[in-house]
Protein backbone atom coordinates (compact mmCIF):
# COMPACT_ATOMS: atom_id res chain seq x y z
CA MET A 1 54.57 34.01 58.57
CA SER A 2 51.10 35.42 58.02
CA LEU A 3 50.29 37.38 54.85
CA PRO A 4 47.92 40.33 55.16
CA VAL A 5 45.19 40.60 52.52
CA PRO A 6 45.76 43.88 50.67
CA THR A 7 43.04 46.41 49.95
CA LEU A 8 43.44 48.11 46.58
CA HIS A 9 41.26 50.66 44.78
CA THR A 10 40.88 51.47 41.10
CA ASP A 11 38.37 53.82 39.52
CA ARG A 12 35.84 51.00 39.24
CA LEU A 13 37.03 48.16 41.48
CA LEU A 14 37.83 47.46 45.09
CA LEU A 15 40.09 44.51 45.91
CA ARG A 16 39.73 43.62 49.58
CA PRO A 17 39.58 40.81 52.12
CA PHE A 18 36.50 38.60 51.99
CA LEU A 19 33.62 39.55 54.27
CA ASP A 20 31.08 37.14 55.73
CA ALA A 21 28.49 39.24 53.87
CA ASP A 22 30.04 38.06 50.56
CA GLY A 23 28.85 34.50 51.18
CA GLU A 24 25.62 34.50 49.16
CA ASP A 25 27.15 36.35 46.19
CA LEU A 26 30.12 33.98 46.33
CA TYR A 27 27.75 31.00 46.27
CA ALA A 28 25.82 32.48 43.32
CA LEU A 29 29.08 32.80 41.39
CA GLN A 30 30.54 29.40 42.31
CA SER A 31 27.28 27.49 41.74
CA ASN A 32 26.69 28.92 38.26
CA ALA A 33 27.48 26.25 35.66
CA GLN A 34 28.14 28.84 32.94
CA VAL A 35 30.66 30.67 35.12
CA MET A 36 32.35 27.44 36.18
CA ARG A 37 32.51 25.74 32.76
CA PHE A 38 36.25 26.42 32.37
CA TRP A 39 37.10 26.15 36.07
CA ASP A 40 39.09 23.29 37.57
CA SER A 41 36.24 22.17 39.83
CA PRO A 42 32.49 21.62 39.36
CA PRO A 43 29.87 24.17 40.39
CA TRP A 44 28.99 24.21 44.06
CA THR A 45 25.78 22.44 45.03
CA ASP A 46 25.98 22.80 48.80
CA ARG A 47 25.89 26.08 50.73
CA SER A 48 28.30 24.64 53.32
CA ARG A 49 31.00 25.35 50.72
CA ILE A 50 30.70 29.05 51.59
CA GLU A 51 32.10 28.66 55.10
CA ARG A 52 34.72 26.14 54.00
CA PHE A 53 35.92 28.56 51.31
CA LEU A 54 36.04 31.51 53.71
CA ALA A 55 37.86 29.38 56.30
CA GLY A 56 40.34 28.39 53.58
CA CYS A 57 40.89 32.08 52.79
CA ARG A 58 41.75 32.76 56.43
CA GLN A 59 44.01 29.68 56.60
CA MET A 60 45.98 30.69 53.49
CA SER A 61 46.63 34.12 54.95
CA ASP A 62 47.46 32.74 58.40
CA ASP A 63 49.93 30.14 57.14
CA GLY A 64 51.53 32.53 54.66
CA SER A 65 50.87 30.40 51.56
CA GLY A 66 48.89 33.13 49.78
CA VAL A 67 45.80 35.28 49.92
CA ARG A 68 42.40 35.18 48.28
CA ILE A 69 41.12 38.62 47.44
CA ALA A 70 37.49 39.57 46.91
CA VAL A 71 36.80 41.81 43.90
CA ALA A 72 33.95 44.26 44.40
CA ARG A 73 32.45 47.14 42.47
CA ARG A 74 33.73 50.33 43.98
CA SER A 75 30.38 52.10 43.49
CA ASP A 76 28.48 49.88 45.93
CA GLU A 77 31.20 47.50 47.23
CA ARG A 78 29.20 44.48 46.01
CA PHE A 79 31.20 41.29 45.50
CA ILE A 80 31.63 40.32 41.84
CA GLY A 81 34.55 37.87 41.86
CA TRP A 82 37.82 36.85 43.44
CA CYS A 83 41.44 36.07 42.73
CA THR A 84 44.30 34.34 44.49
CA LEU A 85 47.85 35.54 45.05
CA THR A 86 50.23 32.72 45.94
CA ALA A 87 53.42 33.26 47.93
CA ARG A 88 56.65 32.10 46.36
CA SER A 89 59.27 30.37 48.46
């Protein structure tokens, strides 16, 4: 069963599905060693990771295992981060 990616608004943030336009900002985040220092994987060094990540987002939603949600500033809708919601069995 597919899981739809929710869109949620707060005063300052917009949580929404990933857009192809998020790719470069996503790469900037994921390739930053300071940002990734406590992450469970090393910083990205190859831009092909963008499409693989976005394809993985679609796959998670399609197979019902969870959703990855882009976090954007509400003021300009610019991507600033992401989170994952995992489905429980």
